[in-house]
Amino acid sequence: MKRYIGVDLHKNTFTVCYLSRKGKELKSFKVSKKGIEAFKQTLTRDDEVAVESTGNTGYFVREIKDGVGGVKIINPTQFKIISQSVKKTDKRDVKIIAKYLSLLLHFVGGKNPCRINYKE
């Protein structure tokens, strides 16, 4: 089953929202080899992931990209629904990111200036 996964990445932790037809699930992980490995164990090749661009996004994406269908990097300054949110929380942000990703890929075929496809 296809899932859309929103990630709010910080220096020491990251929050994740798994969005599918069954609903949504929130989890948090440590930004460490062990934490990223635990996250990778939850992923499938059918999953699509979106993550906000931060200082450690490149490392994070390199670690997960081979285990998912695709990764989108979102520029938070261009993603106004998050940057202008009055009630900004990690859990709220990842829900919005996951929903945005599902709509982006389903309805507009991934063409949007707010995202960057990761390429090495």
N, C-alpha and C. Protein backbone atom coordinates (compact mmCIF):
# COMPACT_ATOMS: atom_id res chain seq x y z
N MET A 1 0.84 -1.17 0.00
CA MET A 1 0.00 0.00 0.00
C MET A 1 0.89 1.25 0.00
N LYS A 2 0.56 2.19 -0.85
CA LYS A 2 1.33 3.42 -0.97
C LYS A 2 1.11 4.29 0.26
N ARG A 3 2.24 4.83 0.77
CA ARG A 3 2.18 5.77 1.88
C ARG A 3 2.93 7.04 1.51
N TYR A 4 2.47 8.14 2.05
CA TYR A 4 3.11 9.44 1.90
C TYR A 4 3.65 9.81 3.27
N ILE A 5 4.94 10.04 3.35
CA ILE A 5 5.59 10.21 4.63
C ILE A 5 6.19 11.61 4.72
N GLY A 6 5.71 12.38 5.68
CA GLY A 6 6.26 13.70 5.95
C GLY A 6 7.27 13.62 7.08
N VAL A 7 8.41 14.30 6.91
CA VAL A 7 9.48 14.26 7.91
C VAL A 7 9.85 15.69 8.31
N ASP A 8 9.85 15.96 9.61
CA ASP A 8 10.35 17.22 10.15
C ASP A 8 11.67 16.91 10.84
N LEU A 9 12.75 17.28 10.20
CA LEU A 9 14.10 16.89 10.61
C LEU A 9 14.75 18.00 11.43
N HIS A 10 15.29 17.61 12.57
CA HIS A 10 16.01 18.54 13.44
C HIS A 10 17.42 18.00 13.68
N LYS A 11 18.17 18.68 14.49
CA LYS A 11 19.56 18.28 14.75
C LYS A 11 19.65 16.93 15.45
N ASN A 12 18.80 16.70 16.44
CA ASN A 12 18.91 15.48 17.24
C ASN A 12 17.75 14.49 17.08
N THR A 13 16.61 14.95 16.58
CA THR A 13 15.43 14.09 16.42
C THR A 13 14.72 14.43 15.12
N PHE A 14 13.85 13.51 14.68
CA PHE A 14 12.95 13.81 13.58
C PHE A 14 11.60 13.18 13.85
N THR A 15 10.56 13.91 13.44
CA THR A 15 9.18 13.48 13.61
C THR A 15 8.66 13.07 12.24
N VAL A 16 7.87 12.01 12.22
CA VAL A 16 7.39 11.42 10.97
C VAL A 16 5.88 11.24 11.01
N CYS A 17 5.22 11.53 9.89
CA CYS A 17 3.81 11.21 9.72
C CYS A 17 3.69 10.27 8.53
N TYR A 18 3.16 9.07 8.79
CA TYR A 18 2.87 8.10 7.73
C TYR A 18 1.41 8.29 7.36
N LEU A 19 1.14 8.68 6.12
CA LEU A 19 -0.22 8.91 5.66
C LEU A 19 -0.57 7.87 4.60
N SER A 20 -1.66 7.14 4.83
CA SER A 20 -2.12 6.13 3.88
C SER A 20 -3.64 6.12 3.88
N ARG A 21 -4.22 5.24 3.09
CA ARG A 21 -5.68 5.11 3.08
C ARG A 21 -6.22 4.70 4.44
N LYS A 22 -5.39 4.03 5.22
CA LYS A 22 -5.82 3.59 6.56
C LYS A 22 -5.85 4.71 7.58
N GLY A 23 -5.23 5.85 7.24
CA GLY A 23 -5.18 6.96 8.18
C GLY A 23 -3.76 7.47 8.32
N LYS A 24 -3.46 8.04 9.49
CA LYS A 24 -2.12 8.55 9.71
C LYS A 24 -1.57 8.06 11.04
N GLU A 25 -0.25 7.96 11.07
CA GLU A 25 0.46 7.50 12.25
C GLU A 25 1.67 8.41 12.44
N LEU A 26 1.90 8.84 13.68
CA LEU A 26 3.03 9.71 14.01
C LEU A 26 4.06 8.94 14.82
N LYS A 27 5.34 9.18 14.51
CA LYS A 27 6.44 8.58 15.26
C LYS A 27 7.59 9.57 15.33
N SER A 28 8.45 9.38 16.31
CA SER A 28 9.67 10.19 16.42
C SER A 28 10.87 9.26 16.51
N PHE A 29 11.99 9.72 15.95
CA PHE A 29 13.23 8.96 15.93
C PHE A 29 14.39 9.88 16.27
N LYS A 30 15.48 9.31 16.74
CA LYS A 30 16.72 10.05 16.97
C LYS A 30 17.47 10.19 15.65
N VAL A 31 18.15 11.32 15.48
CA VAL A 31 19.04 11.49 14.33
C VAL A 31 20.37 10.86 14.74
N SER A 32 20.46 9.58 14.50
CA SER A 32 21.65 8.78 14.80
C SER A 32 21.62 7.59 13.86
N LYS A 33 22.71 6.89 13.77
CA LYS A 33 22.75 5.70 12.91
C LYS A 33 21.63 4.73 13.31
N LYS A 34 21.50 4.51 14.62
CA LYS A 34 20.49 3.58 15.13
C LYS A 34 19.06 4.10 14.85
N GLY A 35 18.83 5.40 15.04
CA GLY A 35 17.51 5.97 14.81
C GLY A 35 17.12 5.94 13.35
N ILE A 36 18.06 6.28 12.47
CA ILE A 36 17.77 6.25 11.04
C ILE A 36 17.56 4.82 10.56
N GLU A 37 18.32 3.88 11.10
CA GLU A 37 18.11 2.47 10.75
C GLU A 37 16.72 2.01 11.19
N ALA A 38 16.29 2.43 12.37
CA ALA A 38 14.95 2.06 12.85
C ALA A 38 13.89 2.63 11.91
N PHE A 39 14.07 3.88 11.46
CA PHE A 39 13.14 4.49 10.51
C PHE A 39 13.15 3.72 9.19
N LYS A 40 14.33 3.39 8.70
CA LYS A 40 14.45 2.66 7.43
C LYS A 40 13.72 1.32 7.47
N GLN A 41 13.68 0.70 8.64
CA GLN A 41 12.98 -0.58 8.78
C GLN A 41 11.47 -0.44 8.58
N THR A 42 10.95 0.78 8.71
CA THR A 42 9.51 1.01 8.53
C THR A 42 9.16 1.32 7.07
N LEU A 43 10.15 1.50 6.21
CA LEU A 43 9.94 1.96 4.84
C LEU A 43 9.79 0.82 3.85
N THR A 44 9.08 1.11 2.75
CA THR A 44 8.97 0.18 1.63
C THR A 44 9.25 0.94 0.34
N ARG A 45 9.45 0.21 -0.73
CA ARG A 45 9.71 0.83 -2.04
C ARG A 45 8.49 1.57 -2.58
N ASP A 46 7.31 1.33 -2.01
CA ASP A 46 6.10 2.03 -2.42
C ASP A 46 5.96 3.40 -1.76
N ASP A 47 6.75 3.66 -0.72
CA ASP A 47 6.63 4.89 0.04
C ASP A 47 7.23 6.08 -0.70
N GLU A 48 6.60 7.24 -0.51
CA GLU A 48 7.11 8.52 -0.98
C GLU A 48 7.37 9.37 0.26
N VAL A 49 8.53 10.01 0.30
CA VAL A 49 8.94 10.78 1.48
C VAL A 49 9.17 12.23 1.09
N ALA A 50 8.72 13.14 1.95
CA ALA A 50 9.02 14.57 1.80
C ALA A 50 9.64 15.05 3.11
N VAL A 51 10.71 15.83 2.98
CA VAL A 51 11.42 16.34 4.16
C VAL A 51 11.77 17.80 3.93
N GLU A 52 11.64 18.59 4.99
CA GLU A 52 12.04 19.99 4.91
C GLU A 52 13.56 20.08 4.80
N SER A 53 14.03 21.04 4.04
CA SER A 53 15.46 21.25 3.87
C SER A 53 16.05 21.88 5.14
N THR A 54 17.05 21.19 5.71
CA THR A 54 17.79 21.69 6.87
C THR A 54 19.26 21.35 6.67
N GLY A 55 20.07 21.64 7.66
CA GLY A 55 21.50 21.40 7.55
C GLY A 55 21.88 19.94 7.35
N ASN A 56 21.10 19.02 7.89
CA ASN A 56 21.45 17.60 7.78
C ASN A 56 20.54 16.82 6.82
N THR A 57 19.81 17.52 5.97
CA THR A 57 18.91 16.86 5.03
C THR A 57 19.65 15.97 4.04
N GLY A 58 20.78 16.45 3.51
CA GLY A 58 21.54 15.66 2.54
C GLY A 58 21.94 14.31 3.10
N TYR A 59 22.47 14.29 4.31
CA TYR A 59 22.85 13.03 4.96
C TYR A 59 21.63 12.13 5.13
N PHE A 60 20.55 12.70 5.64
CA PHE A 60 19.33 11.93 5.88
C PHE A 60 18.82 11.30 4.59
N VAL A 61 18.74 12.09 3.53
CA VAL A 61 18.23 11.59 2.25
C VAL A 61 19.13 10.50 1.68
N ARG A 62 20.43 10.68 1.75
CA ARG A 62 21.35 9.64 1.26
C ARG A 62 21.15 8.32 2.00
N GLU A 63 20.82 8.41 3.26
CA GLU A 63 20.62 7.20 4.07
C GLU A 63 19.34 6.45 3.72
N ILE A 64 18.29 7.17 3.30
CA ILE A 64 16.98 6.50 3.11
C ILE A 64 16.58 6.30 1.65
N LYS A 65 17.19 7.01 0.71
CA LYS A 65 16.68 7.08 -0.66
C LYS A 65 16.57 5.74 -1.38
N ASP A 66 17.43 4.80 -1.08
CA ASP A 66 17.38 3.51 -1.77
C ASP A 66 16.24 2.61 -1.29
N GLY A 67 15.63 2.95 -0.17
CA GLY A 67 14.57 2.11 0.38
C GLY A 67 13.17 2.60 0.11
N VAL A 68 13.04 3.69 -0.66
CA VAL A 68 11.72 4.27 -0.92
C VAL A 68 11.53 4.53 -2.41
N GLY A 69 10.30 4.82 -2.78
CA GLY A 69 10.00 5.12 -4.17
C GLY A 69 10.52 6.47 -4.61
N GLY A 70 10.59 7.42 -3.69
CA GLY A 70 11.09 8.74 -4.02
C GLY A 70 11.20 9.62 -2.80
N VAL A 71 12.04 10.64 -2.92
CA VAL A 71 12.23 11.61 -1.84
C VAL A 71 12.12 13.01 -2.43
N LYS A 72 11.32 13.84 -1.80
CA LYS A 72 11.18 15.24 -2.18
C LYS A 72 11.74 16.09 -1.03
N ILE A 73 12.52 17.10 -1.39
CA ILE A 73 13.05 18.03 -0.40
C ILE A 73 12.28 19.33 -0.57
N ILE A 74 11.71 19.80 0.53
CA ILE A 74 10.87 20.99 0.51
C ILE A 74 11.64 22.17 1.09
N ASN A 75 11.63 23.27 0.37
CA ASN A 75 12.21 24.51 0.87
C ASN A 75 11.17 25.14 1.80
N PRO A 76 11.44 25.20 3.11
CA PRO A 76 10.41 25.69 4.04
C PRO A 76 10.04 27.15 3.82
N THR A 77 10.93 27.96 3.26
CA THR A 77 10.57 29.36 3.03
C THR A 77 9.60 29.50 1.85
N GLN A 78 9.59 28.52 0.95
CA GLN A 78 8.64 28.54 -0.17
C GLN A 78 7.37 27.78 0.16
N PHE A 79 7.40 27.01 1.20
CA PHE A 79 6.25 26.20 1.60
C PHE A 79 5.48 26.98 2.66
N LYS A 80 4.72 27.96 2.22
CA LYS A 80 4.11 28.95 3.09
C LYS A 80 3.12 28.38 4.10
N ILE A 81 2.47 27.28 3.77
CA ILE A 81 1.49 26.72 4.69
C ILE A 81 2.13 26.33 6.02
N ILE A 82 3.43 25.97 5.99
CA ILE A 82 4.14 25.66 7.23
C ILE A 82 4.79 26.90 7.80
N SER A 83 5.51 27.65 6.98
CA SER A 83 6.27 28.79 7.48
C SER A 83 5.39 29.88 8.07
N GLN A 84 4.12 29.96 7.65
CA GLN A 84 3.23 30.98 8.17
C GLN A 84 2.21 30.41 9.16
N SER A 85 2.41 29.17 9.55
CA SER A 85 1.49 28.52 10.47
C SER A 85 1.55 29.19 11.84
N VAL A 86 0.38 29.47 12.40
CA VAL A 86 0.31 30.08 13.72
C VAL A 86 0.61 29.04 14.80
N LYS A 87 0.10 27.83 14.62
CA LYS A 87 0.31 26.76 15.60
C LYS A 87 1.37 25.81 15.08
N LYS A 88 2.61 26.28 15.01
CA LYS A 88 3.71 25.49 14.43
C LYS A 88 4.21 24.47 15.45
N THR A 89 3.98 23.19 15.16
CA THR A 89 4.51 22.10 15.96
C THR A 89 5.03 21.04 15.01
N ASP A 90 5.94 20.21 15.49
CA ASP A 90 6.48 19.14 14.64
C ASP A 90 5.39 18.22 14.14
N LYS A 91 4.48 17.82 15.02
CA LYS A 91 3.41 16.89 14.63
C LYS A 91 2.50 17.52 13.59
N ARG A 92 2.17 18.78 13.75
CA ARG A 92 1.32 19.48 12.77
C ARG A 92 2.06 19.61 11.44
N ASP A 93 3.34 19.98 11.50
CA ASP A 93 4.14 20.16 10.29
C ASP A 93 4.21 18.88 9.47
N VAL A 94 4.48 17.73 10.12
CA VAL A 94 4.63 16.49 9.36
C VAL A 94 3.32 16.03 8.75
N LYS A 95 2.22 16.30 9.42
CA LYS A 95 0.91 15.97 8.84
C LYS A 95 0.68 16.79 7.57
N ILE A 96 1.02 18.08 7.64
CA ILE A 96 0.85 18.96 6.47
C ILE A 96 1.77 18.51 5.33
N ILE A 97 3.02 18.18 5.67
CA ILE A 97 3.98 17.75 4.64
C ILE A 97 3.49 16.47 3.96
N ALA A 98 3.04 15.50 4.74
CA ALA A 98 2.56 14.23 4.17
C ALA A 98 1.34 14.46 3.28
N LYS A 99 0.42 15.28 3.72
CA LYS A 99 -0.78 15.58 2.92
C LYS A 99 -0.40 16.30 1.64
N TYR A 100 0.49 17.28 1.75
CA TYR A 100 0.99 18.01 0.58
C TYR A 100 1.62 17.05 -0.43
N LEU A 101 2.46 16.14 0.06
CA LEU A 101 3.12 15.18 -0.81
C LEU A 101 2.10 14.31 -1.54
N SER A 102 1.09 13.83 -0.82
CA SER A 102 0.08 12.98 -1.46
C SER A 102 -0.67 13.74 -2.54
N LEU A 103 -1.01 14.97 -2.27
CA LEU A 103 -1.72 15.79 -3.27
C LEU A 103 -0.82 16.13 -4.44
N LEU A 104 0.41 16.48 -4.15
CA LEU A 104 1.37 16.84 -5.19
C LEU A 104 1.57 15.70 -6.17
N LEU A 105 1.80 14.52 -5.67
CA LEU A 105 2.07 13.37 -6.54
C LEU A 105 0.82 12.84 -7.22
N HIS A 106 -0.30 12.92 -6.53
CA HIS A 106 -1.54 12.36 -7.10
C HIS A 106 -2.19 13.30 -8.12
N PHE A 107 -2.27 14.57 -7.81
CA PHE A 107 -3.06 15.48 -8.65
C PHE A 107 -2.25 16.30 -9.66
N VAL A 108 -1.01 16.64 -9.33
CA VAL A 108 -0.26 17.49 -10.26
C VAL A 108 1.02 16.84 -10.76
N GLY A 109 1.16 15.57 -10.54
CA GLY A 109 2.29 14.84 -11.11
C GLY A 109 3.65 15.27 -10.62
N GLY A 110 3.71 15.88 -9.45
CA GLY A 110 5.00 16.23 -8.86
C GLY A 110 5.59 17.54 -9.33
N LYS A 111 4.90 18.30 -10.17
CA LYS A 111 5.45 19.55 -10.68
C LYS A 111 5.06 20.70 -9.76
N ASN A 112 6.01 21.20 -9.00
CA ASN A 112 5.75 22.29 -8.07
C ASN A 112 7.07 22.92 -7.67
N PRO A 113 7.17 24.24 -7.61
CA PRO A 113 8.43 24.89 -7.26
C PRO A 113 8.83 24.71 -5.81
N CYS A 114 7.95 24.18 -4.97
CA CYS A 114 8.28 24.01 -3.56
C CYS A 114 9.08 22.75 -3.29
N ARG A 115 9.34 21.96 -4.28
CA ARG A 115 10.05 20.71 -4.03
C ARG A 115 11.25 20.58 -4.95
N ILE A 116 12.19 19.79 -4.48
CA ILE A 116 13.40 19.48 -5.25
C ILE A 116 13.52 17.97 -5.23
N ASN A 117 13.68 17.34 -6.38
CA ASN A 117 13.97 15.91 -6.41
C ASN A 117 15.42 15.72 -6.00
N TYR A 118 15.66 14.75 -5.13
CA TYR A 118 17.04 14.50 -4.71
C TYR A 118 17.79 13.74 -5.78
N LYS A 119 18.94 14.23 -6.13
CA LYS A 119 19.82 13.56 -7.09
C LYS A 119 21.24 13.66 -6.58
N GLU A 120 22.02 12.59 -6.76
CA GLU A 120 23.44 12.65 -6.37
C GLU A 120 24.26 13.20 -7.50
